[in-house]
Structures are given as C-alpha cells and as structure tokens.
Amino acid sequence: MIEVIPFDKRTEKNCVTSTAIEKELELKLRLAGLKIYSSPTLSEEEKWEWFDFGAPILHVKVMAVYGDFEDSDLGDFSMGAFHINLSLFEVATFDREPNNRGPAKRWETQELVSLGQGKYSTLRGDISELIDEFIIDYLKVNPK
C-alpha cells in the first residue's frame, strides 16, 4: 500500500501535489512489476488493520520550510527547504512474543533539498529520483 502524507498548502500550490506524487509512485511501481495493494482512503486505524494483514506500506513524506526575503540588490524573493522521506514498513513479529506484531521500518532514504522560488517545480524530480532508488534497491533483494 502507498501512503503519501498530504503536503502543506504552499507546496501543493507552488511545487507538486501529493496526489500527483502518489499517482506517479504507483505507476512506477507497477511498471517495475511490483505488486500494489490498492485501498480506498483509510482512516489511521483502518490503515494499520490493512497493514496487519501483511501488506507493506511505502510511506512518503515531504516537510517544507519557506523563507521570504527582501534584498536591496536582488529584490523580493523566496526560498524553500524540503525534507523528503521514503520509508518501507512491513509487519514484524518477535520470536519470544509471536503474538506481538507491529510495523518495522525495513528501508528508508531521505534527502534535504533547498530551492529558490523559480525552481520549486523541480521538487517533483527530486522525489521521483528517490522513488527510483527504492525500486532499484527493492528489486536487488526481491528479483523477479
């Protein structure tokens, strides 16, 4: 299952929408031959029930911080710093407590990107590169 945390309003407006990233991620995973567990929009509780059946969750989160500046030489401008995180969670059990199950982070990558106002649209490419990194790593340990 794919979980893209909704981006803040400014990122959704100026950079890329979380819905677009979710669609791109799903398409890339399907084209790579990875099975996608489709699910409707689920509450937090329902999501973990779904997860408990064994469906892994690929979690995407982008956190953004913006700064608006005034400069006598450059004029008014804005910059954004974006922390992009992709994590794969799977169900884990403990040998000594087999009834105790929970999410375990099995894979993670992250990147910190700083972009000027005119370059916000490139954030989508940065996220896409991390998605490609996940697919390559996943297929290395799970060959077809």
Protein backbone atom coordinates (compact mmCIF):
# COMPACT_ATOMS: atom_id res chain seq x y z
CA MET A 1 0.00 0.00 0.00
CA ILE A 2 1.19 3.52 -0.72
CA GLU A 3 0.79 6.30 1.79
CA VAL A 4 1.65 9.85 0.73
CA ILE A 5 1.23 12.31 3.58
CA PRO A 6 -0.58 15.40 2.21
CA PHE A 7 1.84 18.25 1.57
CA ASP A 8 1.38 21.71 3.06
CA LYS A 9 -0.73 24.19 1.06
CA ARG A 10 2.19 26.22 -0.27
CA THR A 11 3.99 23.12 -1.55
CA GLU A 12 0.77 21.82 -3.14
CA LYS A 13 0.28 25.18 -4.88
CA ASN A 14 3.82 26.02 -5.98
CA CYS A 15 5.65 22.70 -6.35
CA VAL A 16 3.73 19.47 -6.73
CA THR A 17 0.64 17.90 -5.23
CA SER A 18 0.73 14.86 -3.00
CA THR A 19 -1.90 13.29 -5.28
CA ALA A 20 0.39 13.66 -8.31
CA ILE A 21 3.27 12.04 -6.41
CA GLU A 22 1.04 9.18 -5.29
CA LYS A 23 -0.08 8.53 -8.89
CA GLU A 24 3.49 8.71 -10.19
CA LEU A 25 4.72 6.39 -7.45
CA GLU A 26 2.00 3.84 -8.13
CA LEU A 27 2.70 3.94 -11.88
CA LYS A 28 6.45 3.50 -11.40
CA LEU A 29 5.95 0.59 -9.01
CA ARG A 30 3.52 -1.15 -11.37
CA LEU A 31 5.83 -0.64 -14.38
CA ALA A 32 8.66 -2.18 -12.35
CA GLY A 33 6.44 -5.22 -11.71
CA LEU A 34 5.87 -4.60 -8.01
CA LYS A 35 2.51 -5.58 -6.57
CA ILE A 36 0.44 -2.68 -5.31
CA TYR A 37 -2.24 -3.25 -2.71
CA SER A 38 -5.00 -0.89 -3.70
CA SER A 39 -7.05 0.60 -0.96
CA PRO A 40 -9.54 3.39 -0.65
CA THR A 41 -8.78 6.32 1.59
CA LEU A 42 -8.46 4.76 5.02
CA SER A 43 -8.52 6.18 8.49
CA GLU A 44 -5.34 5.79 10.55
CA GLU A 45 -6.88 2.83 12.40
CA GLU A 46 -8.10 1.14 9.20
CA LYS A 47 -4.70 1.61 7.56
CA TRP A 48 -2.95 -0.32 10.32
CA GLU A 49 -5.62 -3.04 10.19
CA TRP A 50 -4.89 -3.35 6.46
CA PHE A 51 -1.18 -3.41 7.26
CA ASP A 52 -1.73 -6.13 9.85
CA PHE A 53 -2.88 -8.46 7.05
CA GLY A 54 0.69 -8.32 5.74
CA ALA A 55 0.51 -5.57 3.13
CA PRO A 56 3.68 -3.45 3.30
CA ILE A 57 3.34 0.33 3.35
CA LEU A 58 5.55 2.64 1.31
CA HIS A 59 5.35 5.92 3.18
CA VAL A 60 6.22 9.25 1.51
CA LYS A 61 6.53 12.45 3.50
CA VAL A 62 7.70 15.91 2.42
CA MET A 63 8.21 18.60 5.02
CA ALA A 64 8.78 22.16 3.82
CA VAL A 65 10.06 25.38 5.33
CA TYR A 66 9.84 28.61 3.36
CA GLY A 67 11.59 31.90 3.79
CA ASP A 68 10.57 35.17 2.16
CA PHE A 69 13.36 37.70 1.82
CA GLU A 70 13.87 41.31 0.83
CA ASP A 71 17.21 42.32 -0.62
CA SER A 72 18.17 45.73 -1.98
CA ASP A 73 20.15 44.14 -4.84
CA LEU A 74 18.04 41.07 -5.57
CA GLY A 75 14.60 42.40 -4.69
CA ASP A 76 11.96 40.24 -3.03
CA PHE A 77 12.49 36.51 -3.31
CA SER A 78 11.57 33.29 -1.60
CA MET A 79 13.38 30.02 -0.88
CA GLY A 80 12.21 26.66 0.31
CA ALA A 81 13.93 23.82 2.12
CA PHE A 82 12.31 20.42 1.63
CA HIS A 83 12.96 17.23 3.58
CA ILE A 84 11.85 14.23 1.50
CA ASN A 85 11.50 10.86 3.23
CA LEU A 86 10.56 7.49 1.75
CA SER A 87 10.18 4.56 4.14
CA LEU A 88 9.01 0.97 3.67
CA PHE A 89 7.21 -0.56 6.66
CA GLU A 90 6.43 -4.27 7.00
CA VAL A 91 4.85 -6.34 9.74
CA ALA A 92 7.35 -7.71 12.24
CA THR A 93 6.96 -10.28 14.99
CA PHE A 94 9.26 -11.19 17.85
CA ASP A 95 10.40 -14.79 18.29
CA ARG A 96 9.91 -14.58 22.05
CA GLU A 97 6.46 -12.93 21.69
CA PRO A 98 4.90 -14.21 18.44
CA ASN A 99 1.55 -12.57 19.18
CA ASN A 100 3.20 -9.17 19.46
CA ARG A 101 3.16 -7.73 15.91
CA GLY A 102 3.89 -4.25 14.74
CA PRO A 103 5.34 -2.08 12.00
CA ALA A 104 9.06 -2.27 11.32
CA LYS A 105 10.92 0.11 9.05
CA ARG A 106 12.68 -2.12 6.51
CA TRP A 107 14.09 0.51 4.17
CA GLU A 108 14.49 4.27 4.18
CA THR A 109 16.01 7.06 2.16
CA GLN A 110 15.80 10.78 2.59
CA GLU A 111 17.07 13.96 1.07
CA LEU A 112 17.20 17.62 2.01
CA VAL A 113 16.69 19.97 -0.93
CA SER A 114 16.97 23.75 -0.96
CA LEU A 115 15.29 25.51 -3.88
CA GLY A 116 14.83 29.08 -4.97
CA GLN A 117 11.36 30.31 -5.88
CA GLY A 118 11.82 29.76 -9.63
CA LYS A 119 12.97 26.17 -9.06
CA TYR A 120 10.14 24.84 -6.87
CA SER A 121 8.81 22.76 -9.75
CA THR A 122 12.00 20.63 -9.70
CA LEU A 123 10.92 19.14 -6.34
CA ARG A 124 8.90 16.54 -8.24
CA GLY A 125 12.07 15.31 -9.95
CA ASP A 126 13.86 15.04 -6.60
CA ILE A 127 11.04 12.90 -5.23
CA SER A 128 10.99 10.82 -8.42
CA GLU A 129 14.72 10.07 -8.05
CA LEU A 130 14.13 8.71 -4.55
CA ILE A 131 11.29 6.54 -5.87
CA ASP A 132 13.69 5.14 -8.49
CA GLU A 133 16.24 4.47 -5.73
CA PHE A 134 13.61 2.48 -3.81
CA ILE A 135 12.67 0.41 -6.87
CA ILE A 136 16.31 -0.43 -7.64
CA ASP A 137 17.02 -1.45 -4.04
CA TYR A 138 13.79 -3.44 -3.76
CA LEU A 139 14.46 -5.39 -6.94
CA LYS A 140 18.01 -6.18 -5.82
CA VAL A 141 16.72 -8.10 -2.80
CA ASN A 142 13.47 -9.30 -4.43
CA PRO A 143 14.41 -10.31 -8.00
CA LYS A 144 11.59 -11.28 -10.31
